[in-house]
């Protein structure tokens, strides 16, 4: 199931590092490091459409993995 959420990208210093996406509602997702580097900038606001991968676990375990299909940076609401 695809979702669209708006929030902020954060770099987390856990192990070798992880990328988090914290939604406006306070939900934290982990963003894979293989995601487009134009999205992976700490503090950047974004609107992301993607699939929540409940079937994956990561070493950081900061939230469900959000597999990004599309994104818009600095979205105007």
Protein backbone atom coordinates (compact mmCIF):
# COMPACT_ATOMS: atom_id res chain seq x y z
CA UNK A 1 0.00 0.00 0.00
CA UNK A 2 1.37 3.41 -0.97
CA UNK A 3 1.17 6.40 1.34
CA UNK A 4 1.90 10.10 0.90
CA UNK A 5 3.32 11.94 3.92
CA UNK A 6 4.88 15.33 4.59
CA UNK A 7 7.69 15.91 7.07
CA UNK A 8 11.40 16.45 7.64
CA UNK A 9 14.50 14.43 6.78
CA UNK A 10 16.88 13.76 9.69
CA UNK A 11 20.32 12.15 9.88
CA UNK A 12 20.55 9.83 12.89
CA UNK A 13 23.93 8.92 14.39
CA UNK A 14 23.15 5.30 15.12
CA UNK A 15 25.88 2.80 14.20
CA UNK A 16 27.14 3.81 10.77
CA UNK A 17 24.28 6.31 10.48
CA UNK A 18 20.71 6.20 9.27
CA UNK A 19 18.26 8.50 7.51
CA UNK A 20 14.92 9.16 9.16
CA UNK A 21 11.78 10.87 7.90
CA UNK A 22 9.65 12.38 10.66
CA UNK A 23 6.13 13.19 9.53
CA UNK A 24 4.13 16.22 10.63
CA UNK A 25 2.15 13.77 12.82
CA UNK A 26 5.35 12.64 14.59
CA UNK A 27 5.66 9.21 12.93
CA UNK A 28 9.28 8.21 12.18
CA UNK A 29 10.20 6.13 9.14
CA UNK A 30 13.65 4.95 8.12
CA UNK A 31 14.65 5.94 4.59
CA UNK A 32 17.01 3.53 2.78
CA UNK A 33 20.48 4.91 2.04
CA UNK A 34 19.99 3.92 -1.60
CA UNK A 35 17.34 6.65 -1.94
CA UNK A 36 17.99 9.59 -4.31
CA UNK A 37 20.69 11.76 -2.71
CA UNK A 38 18.68 14.90 -3.55
CA UNK A 39 16.25 13.84 -0.81
CA UNK A 40 18.81 12.83 1.83
CA UNK A 41 19.65 16.25 3.30
CA UNK A 42 19.19 16.70 7.04
CA UNK A 43 16.57 19.33 7.88
CA UNK A 44 15.01 19.26 4.44
CA UNK A 45 11.21 19.38 4.27
CA UNK A 46 9.62 16.94 1.83
CA UNK A 47 6.45 15.27 0.67
CA UNK A 48 7.10 11.58 0.02
CA UNK A 49 5.01 8.95 -1.74
CA UNK A 50 6.14 5.43 -1.08
CA UNK A 51 5.51 2.00 0.35
CA UNK A 52 5.88 1.12 4.03
CA UNK A 53 7.94 -2.09 4.14
CA UNK A 54 6.81 -3.93 7.28
CA UNK A 55 8.65 -7.00 5.95
CA UNK A 56 12.11 -5.39 6.41
CA UNK A 57 14.23 -4.77 9.51
CA UNK A 58 17.36 -2.65 9.78
CA UNK A 59 20.22 -2.32 12.23
CA UNK A 60 19.05 1.18 13.25
CA UNK A 61 15.46 0.07 14.01
CA UNK A 62 14.20 3.69 14.19
CA UNK A 63 10.89 2.96 12.50
CA UNK A 64 9.33 1.13 9.59
CA UNK A 65 11.24 1.38 6.32
CA UNK A 66 9.66 3.79 3.82
CA UNK A 67 10.60 2.80 0.27
CA UNK A 68 10.44 6.10 -1.66
CA UNK A 69 8.67 6.06 -5.03
CA UNK A 70 8.49 9.84 -5.53
CA UNK A 71 9.24 12.98 -3.55
CA UNK A 72 8.89 16.73 -3.65
CA UNK A 73 11.28 18.85 -1.61
CA UNK A 74 10.17 22.05 0.12
CA UNK A 75 6.48 21.35 -0.57
CA UNK A 76 4.02 24.24 -0.36
CA UNK A 77 0.93 23.22 1.53
